[in-house]
Amino acid sequence: LVVLALYLSDKNIVKARLALAKGKNLHDKRETLKRREADKEARAAIKRYV
């Protein structure tokens, strides 16, 4: 469960909007890490040469 938003009602009761989330599988995690590392290297290269 993931909390999307918290609300305070008129009677000072806290309400939460929840969502059900599922985690990434191993393939998706690897792809995300590769993309993040490539972006990091690109930013470092730009920083060095600019």
PDB file of N, CA and C in Angstrom:
ATOM      1  N   LEU A   1       0.831  -1.180   0.000  1.00  0.00           N
ATOM      2  CA  LEU A   1       0.000   0.000   0.000  1.00  0.00           C
ATOM      3  C   LEU A   1       0.876   1.243   0.000  1.00  0.00           C
ATOM      4  N   VAL A   2       0.437   2.243  -0.745  1.00  0.00           N
ATOM      5  CA  VAL A   2       1.158   3.502  -0.859  1.00  0.00           C
ATOM      6  C   VAL A   2       0.185   4.637  -0.563  1.00  0.00           C
ATOM      7  N   VAL A   3       0.603   5.563   0.289  1.00  0.00           N
ATOM      8  CA  VAL A   3      -0.234   6.718   0.607  1.00  0.00           C
ATOM      9  C   VAL A   3      -0.056   7.756  -0.500  1.00  0.00           C
ATOM     10  N   LEU A   4      -1.150   8.117  -1.165  1.00  0.00           N
ATOM     11  CA  LEU A   4      -1.100   9.114  -2.227  1.00  0.00           C
ATOM     12  C   LEU A   4      -1.333  10.515  -1.686  1.00  0.00           C
ATOM     13  N   ALA A   5      -2.234  10.629  -0.705  1.00  0.00           N
ATOM     14  CA  ALA A   5      -2.546  11.948  -0.154  1.00  0.00           C
ATOM     15  C   ALA A   5      -3.138  11.782   1.235  1.00  0.00           C
ATOM     16  N   LEU A   6      -2.939  12.791   2.063  1.00  0.00           N
ATOM     17  CA  LEU A   6      -3.550  12.844   3.388  1.00  0.00           C
ATOM     18  C   LEU A   6      -4.465  14.054   3.453  1.00  0.00           C
ATOM     19  N   TYR A   7      -5.634  13.878   4.047  1.00  0.00           N
ATOM     20  CA  TYR A   7      -6.606  14.954   4.166  1.00  0.00           C
ATOM     21  C   TYR A   7      -7.005  15.116   5.618  1.00  0.00           C
ATOM     22  N   LEU A   8      -7.352  16.323   6.007  1.00  0.00           N
ATOM     23  CA  LEU A   8      -7.888  16.609   7.333  1.00  0.00           C
ATOM     24  C   LEU A   8      -9.344  17.021   7.139  1.00  0.00           C
ATOM     25  N   SER A   9     -10.270  16.249   7.715  1.00  0.00           N
ATOM     26  CA  SER A   9     -11.694  16.544   7.527  1.00  0.00           C
ATOM     27  C   SER A   9     -12.143  17.660   8.462  1.00  0.00           C
ATOM     28  N   ASP A  10     -13.407  18.059   8.313  1.00  0.00           N
ATOM     29  CA  ASP A  10     -13.984  19.127   9.140  1.00  0.00           C
ATOM     30  C   ASP A  10     -13.993  18.760  10.623  1.00  0.00           C
ATOM     31  N   LYS A  11     -14.090  17.494  10.909  1.00  0.00           N
ATOM     32  CA  LYS A  11     -14.157  17.032  12.299  1.00  0.00           C
ATOM     33  C   LYS A  11     -12.775  16.635  12.824  1.00  0.00           C
ATOM     34  N   ASN A  12     -11.716  17.157  12.184  1.00  0.00           N
ATOM     35  CA  ASN A  12     -10.331  16.878  12.570  1.00  0.00           C
ATOM     36  C   ASN A  12      -9.991  15.389  12.535  1.00  0.00           C
ATOM     37  N   ILE A  13     -10.489  14.728  11.526  1.00  0.00           N
ATOM     38  CA  ILE A  13     -10.175  13.325  11.295  1.00  0.00           C
ATOM     39  C   ILE A  13      -9.257  13.258  10.080  1.00  0.00           C
ATOM     40  N   VAL A  14      -8.187  12.497  10.207  1.00  0.00           N
ATOM     41  CA  VAL A  14      -7.248  12.358   9.094  1.00  0.00           C
ATOM     42  C   VAL A  14      -7.737  11.250   8.173  1.00  0.00           C
ATOM     43  N   LYS A  15      -7.791  11.557   6.887  1.00  0.00           N
ATOM     44  CA  LYS A  15      -8.166  10.572   5.882  1.00  0.00           C
ATOM     45  C   LYS A  15      -6.984  10.406   4.937  1.00  0.00           C
ATOM     46  N   ALA A  16      -6.792   9.201   4.449  1.00  0.00           N
ATOM     47  CA  ALA A  16      -5.671   8.921   3.553  1.00  0.00           C
ATOM     48  C   ALA A  16      -6.188   8.292   2.270  1.00  0.00           C
ATOM     49  N   ARG A  17      -5.638   8.722   1.149  1.00  0.00           N
ATOM     50  CA  ARG A  17      -5.938   8.089  -0.134  1.00  0.00           C
ATOM     51  C   ARG A  17      -4.822   7.082  -0.383  1.00  0.00           C
ATOM     52  N   LEU A  18      -5.193   5.820  -0.529  1.00  0.00           N
ATOM     53  CA  LEU A  18      -4.228   4.738  -0.675  1.00  0.00           C
ATOM     54  C   LEU A  18      -4.268   4.161  -2.076  1.00  0.00           C
ATOM     55  N   ALA A  19      -3.154   3.567  -2.467  1.00  0.00           N
ATOM     56  CA  ALA A  19      -3.083   2.864  -3.742  1.00  0.00           C
ATOM     57  C   ALA A  19      -2.310   1.570  -3.529  1.00  0.00           C
ATOM     58  N   LEU A  20      -2.608   0.605  -4.327  1.00  0.00           N
ATOM     59  CA  LEU A  20      -1.902  -0.661  -4.284  1.00  0.00           C
ATOM     60  C   LEU A  20      -0.846  -0.642  -5.377  1.00  0.00           C
ATOM     61  N   ALA A  21       0.396  -0.878  -5.003  1.00  0.00           N
ATOM     62  CA  ALA A  21       1.490  -0.829  -5.970  1.00  0.00           C
ATOM     63  C   ALA A  21       2.218  -2.161  -5.978  1.00  0.00           C
ATOM     64  N   LYS A  22       2.774  -2.496  -7.130  1.00  0.00           N
ATOM     65  CA  LYS A  22       3.588  -3.702  -7.191  1.00  0.00           C
ATOM     66  C   LYS A  22       5.004  -3.297  -7.578  1.00  0.00           C
ATOM     67  N   GLY A  23       5.964  -4.004  -7.076  1.00  0.00           N
ATOM     68  CA  GLY A  23       7.365  -3.680  -7.318  1.00  0.00           C
ATOM     69  C   GLY A  23       7.798  -4.047  -8.721  1.00  0.00           C
ATOM     70  N   LYS A  24       8.954  -3.551  -9.086  1.00  0.00           N
ATOM     71  CA  LYS A  24       9.513  -3.869 -10.396  1.00  0.00           C
ATOM     72  C   LYS A  24      10.092  -5.276 -10.362  1.00  0.00           C
ATOM     73  N   ASN A  25      10.085  -5.930 -11.514  1.00  0.00           N
ATOM     74  CA  ASN A  25      10.759  -7.215 -11.570  1.00  0.00           C
ATOM     75  C   ASN A  25      12.242  -6.975 -11.860  1.00  0.00           C
ATOM     76  N   LEU A  26      13.037  -7.998 -11.806  1.00  0.00           N
ATOM     77  CA  LEU A  26      14.490  -7.870 -11.907  1.00  0.00           C
ATOM     78  C   LEU A  26      14.910  -7.209 -13.217  1.00  0.00           C
ATOM     79  N   HIS A  27      14.246  -7.553 -14.323  1.00  0.00           N
ATOM     80  CA  HIS A  27      14.602  -6.976 -15.623  1.00  0.00           C
ATOM     81  C   HIS A  27      14.391  -5.464 -15.622  1.00  0.00           C
ATOM     82  N   ASP A  28      13.273  -5.013 -15.083  1.00  0.00           N
ATOM     83  CA  ASP A  28      12.981  -3.581 -15.036  1.00  0.00           C
ATOM     84  C   ASP A  28      13.977  -2.841 -14.157  1.00  0.00           C
ATOM     85  N   LYS A  29      14.372  -3.453 -13.053  1.00  0.00           N
ATOM     86  CA  LYS A  29      15.343  -2.820 -12.155  1.00  0.00           C
ATOM     87  C   LYS A  29      16.670  -2.616 -12.869  1.00  0.00           C
ATOM     88  N   ARG A  30      17.115  -3.640 -13.589  1.00  0.00           N
ATOM     89  CA  ARG A  30      18.392  -3.542 -14.304  1.00  0.00           C
ATOM     90  C   ARG A  30      18.329  -2.455 -15.372  1.00  0.00           C
ATOM     91  N   GLU A  31      17.221  -2.391 -16.084  1.00  0.00           N
ATOM     92  CA  GLU A  31      17.055  -1.382 -17.132  1.00  0.00           C
ATOM     93  C   GLU A  31      17.084   0.028 -16.539  1.00  0.00           C
ATOM     94  N   THR A  32      16.420   0.212 -15.418  1.00  0.00           N
ATOM     95  CA  THR A  32      16.397   1.516 -14.756  1.00  0.00           C
ATOM     96  C   THR A  32      17.792   1.905 -14.289  1.00  0.00           C
ATOM     97  N   LEU A  33      18.523   0.957 -13.719  1.00  0.00           N
ATOM     98  CA  LEU A  33      19.882   1.246 -13.255  1.00  0.00           C
ATOM     99  C   LEU A  33      20.803   1.607 -14.419  1.00  0.00           C
ATOM    100  N   LYS A  34      20.677   0.898 -15.544  1.00  0.00           N
ATOM    101  CA  LYS A  34      21.498   1.207 -16.721  1.00  0.00           C
ATOM    102  C   LYS A  34      21.198   2.612 -17.231  1.00  0.00           C
ATOM    103  N   ARG A  35      19.924   2.957 -17.310  1.00  0.00           N
ATOM    104  CA  ARG A  35      19.524   4.279 -17.796  1.00  0.00           C
ATOM    105  C   ARG A  35      20.023   5.377 -16.851  1.00  0.00           C
ATOM    106  N   ARG A  36      19.895   5.151 -15.554  1.00  0.00           N
ATOM    107  CA  ARG A  36      20.342   6.130 -14.563  1.00  0.00           C
ATOM    108  C   ARG A  36      21.861   6.326 -14.642  1.00  0.00           C
ATOM    109  N   GLU A  37      22.612   5.233 -14.797  1.00  0.00           N
ATOM    110  CA  GLU A  37      24.069   5.316 -14.899  1.00  0.00           C
ATOM    111  C   GLU A  37      24.484   6.049 -16.175  1.00  0.00           C
ATOM    112  N   ALA A  38      23.799   5.796 -17.288  1.00  0.00           N
ATOM    113  CA  ALA A  38      24.113   6.479 -18.541  1.00  0.00           C
ATOM    114  C   ALA A  38      23.852   7.977 -18.417  1.00  0.00           C
ATOM    115  N   ASP A  39      22.753   8.354 -17.793  1.00  0.00           N
ATOM    116  CA  ASP A  39      22.452   9.775 -17.585  1.00  0.00           C
ATOM    117  C   ASP A  39      23.496  10.428 -16.699  1.00  0.00           C
ATOM    118  N   LYS A  40      23.925   9.714 -15.673  1.00  0.00           N
ATOM    119  CA  LYS A  40      24.938  10.239 -14.750  1.00  0.00           C
ATOM    120  C   LYS A  40      26.258  10.473 -15.481  1.00  0.00           C
ATOM    121  N   GLU A  41      26.665   9.518 -16.313  1.00  0.00           N
ATOM    122  CA  GLU A  41      27.905   9.661 -17.078  1.00  0.00           C
ATOM    123  C   GLU A  41      27.805  10.809 -18.074  1.00  0.00           C
ATOM    124  N   ALA A  42      26.652  10.978 -18.705  1.00  0.00           N
ATOM    125  CA  ALA A  42      26.470  12.064 -19.671  1.00  0.00           C
ATOM    126  C   ALA A  42      26.569  13.418 -18.976  1.00  0.00           C
ATOM    127  N   ARG A  43      25.942  13.542 -17.813  1.00  0.00           N
ATOM    128  CA  ARG A  43      26.033  14.804 -17.067  1.00  0.00           C
ATOM    129  C   ARG A  43      27.465  15.092 -16.636  1.00  0.00           C
ATOM    130  N   ALA A  44      28.198  14.060 -16.233  1.00  0.00           N
ATOM    131  CA  ALA A  44      29.592  14.239 -15.818  1.00  0.00           C
ATOM    132  C   ALA A  44      30.448  14.676 -17.004  1.00  0.00           C
ATOM    133  N   ALA A  45      30.216  14.096 -18.186  1.00  0.00           N
ATOM    134  CA  ALA A  45      30.982  14.460 -19.377  1.00  0.00           C
ATOM    135  C   ALA A  45      30.706  15.906 -19.769  1.00  0.00           C
ATOM    136  N   ILE A  46      29.464  16.308 -19.714  1.00  0.00           N
ATOM    137  CA  ILE A  46      29.109  17.695 -20.044  1.00  0.00           C
ATOM    138  C   ILE A  46      29.763  18.643 -19.050  1.00  0.00           C
ATOM    139  N   LYS A  47      29.757  18.266 -17.794  1.00  0.00           N
ATOM    140  CA  LYS A  47      30.346  19.106 -16.750  1.00  0.00           C
ATOM    141  C   LYS A  47      31.855  19.276 -16.965  1.00  0.00           C
ATOM    142  N   ARG A  48      32.525  18.205 -17.412  1.00  0.00           N
ATOM    143  CA  ARG A  48      33.973  18.258 -17.641  1.00  0.00           C
ATOM    144  C   ARG A  48      34.333  19.160 -18.809  1.00  0.00           C
ATOM    145  N   TYR A  49      33.557  19.121 -19.876  1.00  0.00           N
ATOM    146  CA  TYR A  49      33.922  19.806 -21.112  1.00  0.00           C
ATOM    147  C   TYR A  49      33.303  21.185 -21.256  1.00  0.00           C
ATOM    148  N   VAL A  50      32.429  21.546 -20.356  1.00  0.00           N
ATOM    149  CA  VAL A  50      31.806  22.874 -20.455  1.00  0.00           C
ATOM    150  C   VAL A  50      32.371  23.799 -19.421  1.00  0.00           C
TER     151      VAL A  50
END
